[in-house]
Amino acid sequence: MNSKATETSRPREITLRFLAEPGDVNFGGKVHGGAVMKWIDQAGYACAVGWSGYYCVTVYVGGIRFYKPIFIGQVVDVKASVVHTGSSSMHIAIEVCATDPRTGARKLTTRCLIVFVAVDGGGDTVSVPSWVPQTDEDKRLEQYAMHMAQLRKEEDNELLSLPTPANR
């Protein structure tokens, strides 16, 4: 896909579906948080590449919140949605839900925000199409993403002001 494609030809959302398998389980008998984080990164990547048309790299994962456990045999949906774009970055909201296929009971298990940057073959950032919120919910999600970006800047500035081990 090239950068000349129109916004309407680009998918804003993607849902990946996984089956929670025995190899995904931790010592407590539930799906390991690391497995869920891998699925989140995969869905976020697919969403970012679909939006930008370029290879993308993860630059930030934040606010990850695990609400409920996922069990073996549950069908896991990982929904990724573009909620804000910068010049080369895409903020992707992730929602993870698990469904028991025997009963149909569905539950929200995890949410987070993940940021990807589009890069060319040499690893340099490239421009991505702008995303414009359409609904009130879209606007709320974009405001959240922008607020989180500001908090990350403040956090980075605070971290940079700390003495390094070499300066102690």
Protein backbone atom coordinates (compact mmCIF):
# COMPACT_ATOMS: atom_id res chain seq x y z
CA MET A 1 0.00 0.00 0.00
CA ASN A 2 1.38 3.44 -0.74
CA SER A 3 0.93 6.78 0.97
CA LYS A 4 -1.28 8.08 -1.86
CA ALA A 5 -4.19 5.83 -0.88
CA THR A 6 -7.15 7.63 0.60
CA GLU A 7 -8.18 7.39 4.22
CA THR A 8 -11.41 5.64 3.27
CA SER A 9 -9.46 2.79 1.67
CA ARG A 10 -7.55 2.18 4.90
CA PRO A 11 -8.96 -0.01 7.65
CA ARG A 12 -9.07 1.81 10.98
CA GLU A 13 -9.76 -1.34 12.99
CA ILE A 14 -8.82 -4.97 12.97
CA THR A 15 -9.77 -7.86 15.21
CA LEU A 16 -7.51 -10.87 15.56
CA ARG A 17 -8.90 -14.03 17.10
CA PHE A 18 -6.92 -16.59 19.08
CA LEU A 19 -7.76 -19.82 20.87
CA ALA A 20 -6.31 -19.95 24.38
CA GLU A 21 -4.21 -23.11 24.37
CA PRO A 22 -2.41 -25.08 27.10
CA GLY A 23 0.94 -23.60 26.01
CA ASP A 24 -0.39 -20.11 26.84
CA VAL A 25 -1.04 -20.94 30.51
CA ASN A 26 0.98 -19.72 33.52
CA PHE A 27 1.57 -21.53 36.81
CA GLY A 28 -1.81 -20.33 38.08
CA GLY A 29 -3.66 -22.15 35.32
CA LYS A 30 -4.70 -19.00 33.45
CA VAL A 31 -3.40 -17.50 30.20
CA HIS A 32 -0.07 -15.84 30.88
CA GLY A 33 -0.03 -12.04 30.69
CA GLY A 34 2.95 -12.31 28.35
CA ALA A 35 0.86 -14.29 25.85
CA VAL A 36 -1.85 -11.62 25.99
CA MET A 37 0.77 -8.91 25.49
CA LYS A 38 2.10 -10.76 22.42
CA TRP A 39 -1.43 -10.89 20.96
CA ILE A 40 -1.85 -7.18 21.71
CA ASP A 41 1.37 -6.35 19.87
CA GLN A 42 0.38 -8.51 16.89
CA ALA A 43 -3.07 -6.90 16.58
CA GLY A 44 -1.61 -3.42 17.04
CA TYR A 45 1.01 -4.11 14.38
CA ALA A 46 -1.58 -5.38 11.87
CA CYS A 47 -3.73 -2.31 12.51
CA ALA A 48 -0.81 0.13 12.17
CA VAL A 49 0.49 -1.47 8.96
CA GLY A 50 -3.00 -1.54 7.49
CA TRP A 51 -3.45 2.14 8.27
CA SER A 52 -0.02 3.36 7.18
CA GLY A 53 0.93 0.96 4.40
CA TYR A 54 4.44 0.71 5.87
CA TYR A 55 6.38 -1.55 8.20
CA CYS A 56 5.75 -0.34 11.76
CA VAL A 57 7.60 -0.67 15.05
CA THR A 58 6.22 -0.56 18.56
CA VAL A 59 7.50 2.48 20.46
CA TYR A 60 5.23 2.47 23.49
CA VAL A 61 2.77 0.27 25.33
CA GLY A 62 1.02 1.89 28.24
CA GLY A 63 -1.85 1.74 30.61
CA ILE A 64 -2.18 -2.00 30.20
CA ARG A 65 -4.88 -3.19 32.52
CA PHE A 66 -5.81 -6.81 33.10
CA TYR A 67 -9.42 -7.01 34.33
CA LYS A 68 -10.29 -10.71 34.16
CA PRO A 69 -8.36 -13.94 33.54
CA ILE A 70 -8.50 -15.90 30.30
CA PHE A 71 -8.85 -19.68 30.50
CA ILE A 72 -7.78 -22.53 28.22
CA GLY A 73 -10.32 -23.12 25.48
CA GLN A 74 -11.70 -19.60 25.43
CA VAL A 75 -11.82 -17.71 22.15
CA VAL A 76 -9.92 -14.44 22.52
CA ASP A 77 -10.71 -11.40 20.38
CA VAL A 78 -8.08 -8.65 20.26
CA LYS A 79 -9.57 -5.51 18.72
CA ALA A 80 -7.15 -2.79 17.63
CA SER A 81 -8.36 0.67 16.55
CA VAL A 82 -6.51 3.78 15.41
CA VAL A 83 -7.48 6.56 17.84
CA HIS A 84 -4.87 9.23 17.05
CA THR A 85 -2.19 9.90 14.47
CA GLY A 86 0.88 12.07 14.55
CA SER A 87 3.21 12.75 11.66
CA SER A 88 4.65 9.21 11.70
CA SER A 89 2.98 7.69 14.77
CA MET A 90 -0.29 5.88 15.30
CA HIS A 91 -1.93 5.49 18.70
CA ILE A 92 -3.85 2.23 18.75
CA ALA A 93 -6.47 1.41 21.41
CA ILE A 94 -6.60 -2.29 22.23
CA GLU A 95 -9.49 -4.18 23.78
CA VAL A 96 -9.20 -7.88 24.60
CA CYS A 97 -12.31 -9.99 25.20
CA ALA A 98 -12.62 -13.71 25.91
CA THR A 99 -15.62 -15.87 25.09
CA ASP A 100 -16.43 -19.31 26.45
CA PRO A 101 -17.51 -21.17 23.29
CA ARG A 102 -19.66 -23.59 25.30
CA THR A 103 -21.85 -20.92 26.88
CA GLY A 104 -21.25 -17.83 24.74
CA ALA A 105 -20.39 -15.83 27.87
CA ARG A 106 -18.11 -12.96 26.84
CA LYS A 107 -16.00 -10.75 29.10
CA LEU A 108 -13.62 -7.84 28.73
CA THR A 109 -10.22 -9.01 29.98
CA THR A 110 -7.65 -6.37 29.04
CA ARG A 111 -7.26 -2.83 27.66
CA CYS A 112 -4.30 -0.68 26.73
CA LEU A 113 -2.89 1.94 24.41
CA ILE A 114 -0.02 1.09 22.10
CA VAL A 115 1.93 3.44 19.83
CA PHE A 116 3.55 2.44 16.56
CA VAL A 117 5.78 4.42 14.22
CA ALA A 118 5.87 3.78 10.48
CA VAL A 119 9.34 3.31 9.00
CA ASP A 120 10.84 2.80 5.56
CA GLY A 121 13.30 0.10 4.53
CA GLY A 122 16.19 2.05 6.06
CA GLY A 123 14.45 2.42 9.42
CA ASP A 124 13.67 6.12 8.98
CA THR A 125 10.24 7.37 9.99
CA VAL A 126 7.72 8.10 7.28
CA SER A 127 4.51 10.12 7.28
CA VAL A 128 1.23 8.36 7.95
CA PRO A 129 -2.25 9.41 6.84
CA SER A 130 -4.11 11.53 9.38
CA TRP A 131 -7.03 10.00 11.16
CA VAL A 132 -9.97 12.28 11.88
CA PRO A 133 -12.44 11.29 14.61
CA GLN A 134 -16.03 10.99 13.39
CA THR A 135 -18.11 10.21 16.47
CA ASP A 136 -18.19 11.51 20.04
CA GLU A 137 -16.59 8.23 21.14
CA ASP A 138 -13.83 8.70 18.55
CA LYS A 139 -13.22 12.23 19.88
CA ARG A 140 -13.09 10.95 23.47
CA LEU A 141 -10.57 8.25 22.52
CA GLU A 142 -8.42 10.72 20.62
CA GLN A 143 -8.41 13.10 23.58
CA TYR A 144 -7.35 10.22 25.81
CA ALA A 145 -4.50 9.32 23.43
CA MET A 146 -3.34 12.94 23.29
CA HIS A 147 -3.49 13.22 27.09
CA MET A 148 -1.41 10.06 27.44
CA ALA A 149 1.14 11.42 24.94
CA GLN A 150 1.52 14.56 27.07
CA LEU A 151 1.98 12.46 30.21
CA ARG A 152 4.68 10.40 28.43
CA LYS A 153 6.54 13.62 27.54
CA GLU A 154 6.40 14.77 31.16
CA GLU A 155 7.57 11.36 32.35
CA ASP A 156 10.46 11.37 29.86
CA ASN A 157 11.51 14.87 30.95
CA GLU A 158 11.46 13.82 34.60
CA LEU A 159 13.48 10.69 33.87
CA LEU A 160 16.06 12.67 31.88
CA SER A 161 16.51 15.08 34.81
CA LEU A 162 17.57 12.25 37.15
CA PRO A 163 21.27 11.66 37.67
CA THR A 164 22.70 8.77 35.66
CA PRO A 165 24.68 6.03 37.43
CA ALA A 166 27.88 7.54 36.01
CA ASN A 167 27.05 10.92 37.59
CA ARG A 168 26.27 9.66 41.10
